[in-house]
Each structure stands twice: as C-alpha cells, then as structure tokens.
Amino acid sequence: MMAKNLKIKNSEMRELVEFADGLGYSAEKTKGGHIKFSRPGIPATFTSATPSDYRSWTNCRARLRRQVERQAA
C-alpha cells in the first residue's frame, strides 16, 4: 500500500517498499530522488529510486533485514 502513496513506477522498487513496510519501516521520497526508509530505534537507510547497479535492490533489502535482526538481538 505504501508504494502507491509514493507513486513509484519501478516494479522492483515497489516490491522493496512493500518488503520494508512488512518489516515495520516507513518510506518517503527525498527531494534528491532517493527513498528514505526509517524505523524507530534504527538509523535511516537511503537508496536511489533509480539505481544503476542491478544488485542495489537485493543489497538494500538485505541491509534492512539485517538492521531489524540486529535490533531484535
């Protein structure tokens, strides 16, 4: 649901935002064209809305997941 509010056209980015939403993150677009993921107790994570590296989605997804795991430990 959050991806529709951000008006994200890229399907991989929409999936990433929905994944982050499931982990309890909120996402917002920055003025510079990036996506900011934030969750209480965890430093904000930023990623480009249109990355040039095909692994960016996977890397950001892993970063978000690891932050939640560290917070739970």
Protein backbone atom coordinates (compact mmCIF):
# COMPACT_ATOMS: atom_id res chain seq x y z
CA MET A 1 0.00 0.00 0.00
CA MET A 2 2.82 2.40 0.83
CA ALA A 3 4.30 2.15 -2.70
CA LYS A 4 1.09 3.56 -4.19
CA ASN A 5 1.26 6.55 -1.85
CA LEU A 6 4.81 7.27 -3.04
CA LYS A 7 3.78 6.91 -6.72
CA ILE A 8 6.63 4.53 -7.55
CA LYS A 9 6.62 3.25 -11.12
CA ASN A 10 9.50 0.79 -10.94
CA SER A 11 8.28 -2.69 -10.01
CA GLU A 12 11.46 -3.68 -8.14
CA MET A 13 11.30 -0.51 -6.05
CA ARG A 14 7.61 -1.11 -5.31
CA GLU A 15 8.48 -4.63 -4.09
CA LEU A 16 11.29 -3.22 -1.94
CA VAL A 17 8.98 -0.64 -0.35
CA GLU A 18 6.35 -3.31 0.36
CA PHE A 19 9.05 -5.57 1.87
CA ALA A 20 10.23 -2.71 4.11
CA ASP A 21 6.64 -1.95 5.09
CA GLY A 22 6.28 -5.55 6.24
CA LEU A 23 9.34 -5.11 8.46
CA GLY A 24 7.84 -2.00 10.06
CA TYR A 25 9.72 0.66 8.10
CA SER A 26 8.16 3.80 6.74
CA ALA A 27 9.33 5.05 3.35
CA GLU A 28 9.38 8.53 1.92
CA LYS A 29 10.83 10.18 -1.15
CA THR A 30 13.54 12.78 -0.63
CA LYS A 31 13.94 15.95 -2.67
CA GLY A 32 17.04 14.45 -4.28
CA GLY A 33 15.21 11.48 -5.80
CA HIS A 34 16.10 8.89 -3.18
CA ILE A 35 13.95 6.72 -0.94
CA LYS A 36 14.43 7.02 2.83
CA PHE A 37 13.47 4.02 4.97
CA SER A 38 13.07 4.76 8.66
CA ARG A 39 12.05 2.78 11.70
CA PRO A 40 12.22 3.79 15.38
CA GLY A 41 15.46 2.70 17.03
CA ILE A 42 17.26 2.08 13.72
CA PRO A 43 19.30 4.61 11.71
CA ALA A 44 17.65 5.69 8.45
CA THR A 45 18.57 3.80 5.28
CA PHE A 46 18.67 5.58 1.93
CA THR A 47 18.64 4.13 -1.58
CA SER A 48 18.34 5.56 -5.04
CA ALA A 49 14.89 5.44 -6.60
CA THR A 50 16.53 4.53 -9.92
CA PRO A 51 19.81 2.70 -9.17
CA SER A 52 22.25 1.88 -11.94
CA ASP A 53 23.50 -1.33 -10.30
CA TYR A 54 21.18 -4.31 -10.71
CA ARG A 55 22.16 -5.61 -7.24
CA SER A 56 21.01 -2.43 -5.46
CA TRP A 57 17.55 -3.83 -4.72
CA THR A 58 18.98 -7.01 -3.23
CA ASN A 59 21.62 -5.16 -1.22
CA CYS A 60 19.13 -2.69 0.24
CA ARG A 61 16.70 -5.49 1.09
CA ALA A 62 19.47 -7.37 2.92
CA ARG A 63 20.56 -4.18 4.74
CA LEU A 64 17.01 -3.56 6.01
CA ARG A 65 16.59 -7.17 7.11
CA ARG A 66 19.96 -7.20 8.94
CA GLN A 67 19.15 -3.98 10.79
CA VAL A 68 15.92 -5.48 12.12
CA GLU A 69 17.72 -8.68 13.15
CA ARG A 70 20.40 -6.68 15.00
CA GLN A 71 17.78 -4.64 16.81
CA ALA A 72 15.97 -7.81 17.92
CA ALA A 73 19.18 -9.38 19.28
